[in-house]
């Protein structure tokens, strides 16, 4: 059974941690590959409707959007 996660302090810490990971990813792309990227939270996490199934982990979904790309398509395929 799915229940809404009501612990706002926990959700805040989780969003901060995930945001730091995504920022590190964007920084890595910029520094190592000269790729500009942004990220944003989507889905239920963006709407503050996060649910959890019993004691299983919580899933936050982020979109990573490439906004600047100077190199060739081949190099991007190597990253992926």
N, C-alpha and C. Protein backbone atom coordinates (compact mmCIF):
# COMPACT_ATOMS: atom_id res chain seq x y z
N UNK A 1 0.84 -1.18 0.00
CA UNK A 1 0.00 0.00 0.00
C UNK A 1 0.88 1.24 0.00
N UNK A 2 0.53 2.18 -0.81
CA UNK A 2 1.28 3.43 -0.91
C UNK A 2 0.71 4.46 0.06
N UNK A 3 1.61 5.16 0.74
CA UNK A 3 1.22 6.24 1.65
C UNK A 3 2.03 7.48 1.31
N UNK A 4 1.41 8.64 1.51
CA UNK A 4 2.14 9.89 1.30
C UNK A 4 3.20 10.04 2.39
N UNK A 5 4.37 10.53 1.99
CA UNK A 5 5.45 10.79 2.94
C UNK A 5 5.16 12.15 3.57
N UNK A 6 4.99 12.16 4.87
CA UNK A 6 4.60 13.40 5.56
C UNK A 6 5.75 14.05 6.31
N UNK A 7 6.88 13.39 6.43
CA UNK A 7 8.02 13.92 7.17
C UNK A 7 8.72 14.98 6.31
N UNK A 8 8.36 16.22 6.51
CA UNK A 8 8.88 17.32 5.68
C UNK A 8 10.38 17.52 5.85
N UNK A 9 10.89 17.31 7.07
CA UNK A 9 12.33 17.46 7.29
C UNK A 9 13.11 16.41 6.50
N UNK A 10 12.62 15.17 6.51
CA UNK A 10 13.26 14.10 5.74
C UNK A 10 13.22 14.41 4.25
N UNK A 11 12.07 14.86 3.76
CA UNK A 11 11.95 15.18 2.34
C UNK A 11 12.88 16.32 1.94
N UNK A 12 13.01 17.29 2.81
CA UNK A 12 13.91 18.41 2.54
C UNK A 12 15.36 17.94 2.44
N UNK A 13 15.79 17.09 3.37
CA UNK A 13 17.14 16.55 3.33
C UNK A 13 17.36 15.71 2.07
N UNK A 14 16.36 14.94 1.71
CA UNK A 14 16.47 14.08 0.53
C UNK A 14 16.57 14.92 -0.74
N UNK A 15 15.75 15.95 -0.85
CA UNK A 15 15.82 16.82 -2.02
C UNK A 15 17.17 17.54 -2.09
N UNK A 16 17.67 17.98 -0.94
CA UNK A 16 18.97 18.65 -0.93
C UNK A 16 20.07 17.71 -1.39
N UNK A 17 20.08 16.50 -0.90
CA UNK A 17 21.09 15.53 -1.29
C UNK A 17 21.01 15.22 -2.78
N UNK A 18 19.81 14.95 -3.27
CA UNK A 18 19.64 14.65 -4.70
C UNK A 18 20.01 15.85 -5.55
N UNK A 19 19.66 17.05 -5.10
CA UNK A 19 20.02 18.26 -5.83
C UNK A 19 21.53 18.44 -5.92
N UNK A 20 22.25 18.12 -4.83
CA UNK A 20 23.71 18.21 -4.86
C UNK A 20 24.30 17.21 -5.85
N UNK A 21 23.74 16.02 -5.91
CA UNK A 21 24.22 15.01 -6.87
C UNK A 21 23.99 15.49 -8.30
N UNK A 22 22.83 16.05 -8.56
CA UNK A 22 22.53 16.55 -9.90
C UNK A 22 23.42 17.74 -10.25
N UNK A 23 23.68 18.62 -9.28
CA UNK A 23 24.59 19.75 -9.53
C UNK A 23 25.99 19.25 -9.85
N UNK A 24 26.44 18.23 -9.14
CA UNK A 24 27.76 17.64 -9.42
C UNK A 24 27.80 17.08 -10.84
N UNK A 25 26.72 16.45 -11.26
CA UNK A 25 26.64 15.90 -12.62
C UNK A 25 26.74 17.02 -13.65
N UNK A 26 26.00 18.10 -13.46
CA UNK A 26 26.06 19.23 -14.39
C UNK A 26 27.45 19.85 -14.41
N UNK A 27 28.08 19.97 -13.25
CA UNK A 27 29.43 20.52 -13.16
C UNK A 27 30.42 19.62 -13.91
N UNK A 28 30.30 18.32 -13.72
CA UNK A 28 31.16 17.37 -14.42
C UNK A 28 31.01 17.50 -15.94
N UNK A 29 29.79 17.58 -16.42
CA UNK A 29 29.57 17.73 -17.86
C UNK A 29 30.20 19.01 -18.38
N UNK A 30 30.07 20.10 -17.61
CA UNK A 30 30.63 21.39 -18.05
C UNK A 30 32.15 21.36 -18.05
N UNK A 31 32.74 20.91 -16.95
CA UNK A 31 34.20 20.94 -16.82
C UNK A 31 34.90 19.94 -17.74
N UNK A 32 34.38 18.75 -17.86
CA UNK A 32 35.08 17.70 -18.62
C UNK A 32 34.69 17.64 -20.09
N UNK A 33 33.48 18.12 -20.43
CA UNK A 33 33.01 17.97 -21.80
C UNK A 33 32.49 19.25 -22.43
N UNK A 34 32.52 20.35 -21.69
CA UNK A 34 32.01 21.65 -22.17
C UNK A 34 30.55 21.54 -22.62
N UNK A 35 29.77 20.85 -21.81
CA UNK A 35 28.34 20.69 -22.07
C UNK A 35 27.56 21.45 -21.00
N UNK A 36 26.69 22.34 -21.42
CA UNK A 36 25.84 23.06 -20.47
C UNK A 36 24.57 22.27 -20.24
N UNK A 37 24.24 22.05 -18.97
CA UNK A 37 23.05 21.26 -18.64
C UNK A 37 22.37 21.85 -17.41
N UNK A 38 21.07 21.67 -17.34
CA UNK A 38 20.29 22.04 -16.17
C UNK A 38 19.45 20.83 -15.77
N UNK A 39 18.95 20.84 -14.56
CA UNK A 39 18.11 19.75 -14.09
C UNK A 39 16.92 20.33 -13.34
N UNK A 40 15.87 19.56 -13.29
CA UNK A 40 14.72 19.96 -12.51
C UNK A 40 13.92 18.73 -12.10
N UNK A 41 13.31 18.86 -10.95
CA UNK A 41 12.49 17.80 -10.38
C UNK A 41 11.17 17.73 -11.14
N UNK A 42 10.75 16.53 -11.49
CA UNK A 42 9.49 16.34 -12.22
C UNK A 42 8.62 15.32 -11.49
N UNK A 43 7.42 15.16 -11.96
CA UNK A 43 6.53 14.14 -11.42
C UNK A 43 6.00 14.49 -10.05
N UNK A 44 5.73 13.46 -9.26
CA UNK A 44 5.11 13.66 -7.95
C UNK A 44 6.01 14.45 -7.01
N UNK A 45 7.32 14.32 -7.14
CA UNK A 45 8.23 15.07 -6.29
C UNK A 45 8.13 16.57 -6.51
N UNK A 46 7.91 16.97 -7.75
CA UNK A 46 7.77 18.39 -8.06
C UNK A 46 6.47 18.97 -7.52
N UNK A 47 5.50 18.11 -7.30
CA UNK A 47 4.18 18.55 -6.82
C UNK A 47 3.98 18.30 -5.33
N UNK A 48 5.06 17.91 -4.65
CA UNK A 48 5.01 17.59 -3.21
C UNK A 48 3.98 16.51 -2.90
N UNK A 49 3.90 15.52 -3.77
CA UNK A 49 2.98 14.39 -3.59
C UNK A 49 3.77 13.09 -3.58
N UNK A 50 4.78 13.02 -2.76
CA UNK A 50 5.68 11.88 -2.75
C UNK A 50 5.06 10.75 -1.94
N UNK A 51 5.04 9.57 -2.54
CA UNK A 51 4.47 8.40 -1.87
C UNK A 51 5.57 7.35 -1.67
N UNK A 52 5.30 6.45 -0.73
CA UNK A 52 6.24 5.38 -0.42
C UNK A 52 5.45 4.10 -0.19
N UNK A 53 5.96 3.01 -0.70
CA UNK A 53 5.34 1.70 -0.52
C UNK A 53 6.00 1.01 0.67
N UNK A 54 5.31 0.97 1.79
CA UNK A 54 5.80 0.34 3.03
C UNK A 54 7.18 0.88 3.39
N UNK A 55 8.18 0.02 3.49
CA UNK A 55 9.51 0.46 3.90
C UNK A 55 10.47 0.57 2.71
N UNK A 56 9.95 0.57 1.50
CA UNK A 56 10.80 0.67 0.32
C UNK A 56 11.31 2.10 0.15
N UNK A 57 12.28 2.25 -0.72
CA UNK A 57 12.86 3.57 -0.94
C UNK A 57 11.88 4.51 -1.64
N UNK A 58 12.22 5.79 -1.57
CA UNK A 58 11.42 6.83 -2.22
C UNK A 58 12.09 7.16 -3.54
N UNK A 59 11.29 7.40 -4.55
CA UNK A 59 11.80 7.66 -5.88
C UNK A 59 11.51 9.10 -6.27
N UNK A 60 12.58 9.87 -6.53
CA UNK A 60 12.43 11.21 -7.09
C UNK A 60 12.92 11.18 -8.52
N UNK A 61 12.18 11.81 -9.41
CA UNK A 61 12.54 11.83 -10.82
C UNK A 61 13.02 13.22 -11.21
N UNK A 62 14.15 13.27 -11.87
CA UNK A 62 14.72 14.52 -12.37
C UNK A 62 14.88 14.44 -13.88
N UNK A 63 14.69 15.56 -14.54
CA UNK A 63 15.05 15.68 -15.95
C UNK A 63 16.39 16.38 -16.03
N UNK A 64 17.27 15.89 -16.87
CA UNK A 64 18.54 16.53 -17.15
C UNK A 64 18.45 17.05 -18.58
N UNK A 65 18.51 18.36 -18.72
CA UNK A 65 18.32 18.99 -20.03
C UNK A 65 19.64 19.58 -20.50
N UNK A 66 20.07 19.17 -21.69
CA UNK A 66 21.28 19.71 -22.30
C UNK A 66 20.90 21.04 -22.95
N UNK A 67 21.55 22.13 -22.53
CA UNK A 67 21.20 23.46 -23.05
C UNK A 67 22.29 24.05 -23.93
N UNK A 68 23.49 23.50 -23.85
CA UNK A 68 24.58 23.99 -24.70
C UNK A 68 25.49 22.83 -25.02
N UNK A 69 25.76 22.70 -26.32
CA UNK A 69 26.59 21.59 -26.77
C UNK A 69 27.48 22.09 -27.90
N UNK A 70 28.78 22.10 -27.66
CA UNK A 70 29.73 22.60 -28.65
C UNK A 70 30.41 21.48 -29.43
N UNK A 71 30.44 20.30 -28.85
CA UNK A 71 31.19 19.20 -29.45
C UNK A 71 30.31 18.38 -30.40
N UNK A 72 30.88 17.35 -30.96
CA UNK A 72 30.17 16.52 -31.92
C UNK A 72 29.19 15.56 -31.25
N UNK A 73 28.27 15.06 -32.02
CA UNK A 73 27.29 14.08 -31.54
C UNK A 73 27.99 12.80 -31.10
N UNK A 74 29.05 12.44 -31.77
CA UNK A 74 29.79 11.22 -31.43
C UNK A 74 30.30 11.26 -30.00
N UNK A 75 30.82 12.43 -29.58
CA UNK A 75 31.30 12.55 -28.21
C UNK A 75 30.17 12.36 -27.21
N UNK A 76 29.00 12.88 -27.50
CA UNK A 76 27.85 12.72 -26.61
C UNK A 76 27.46 11.25 -26.49
N UNK A 77 27.53 10.53 -27.57
CA UNK A 77 27.22 9.10 -27.52
C UNK A 77 28.22 8.36 -26.65
N UNK A 78 29.48 8.82 -26.62
CA UNK A 78 30.48 8.20 -25.76
C UNK A 78 30.15 8.41 -24.28
N UNK A 79 29.60 9.57 -23.95
CA UNK A 79 29.24 9.87 -22.56
C UNK A 79 28.11 8.96 -22.12
N UNK A 80 27.13 8.80 -23.00
CA UNK A 80 25.97 8.00 -22.64
C UNK A 80 26.33 6.55 -22.63
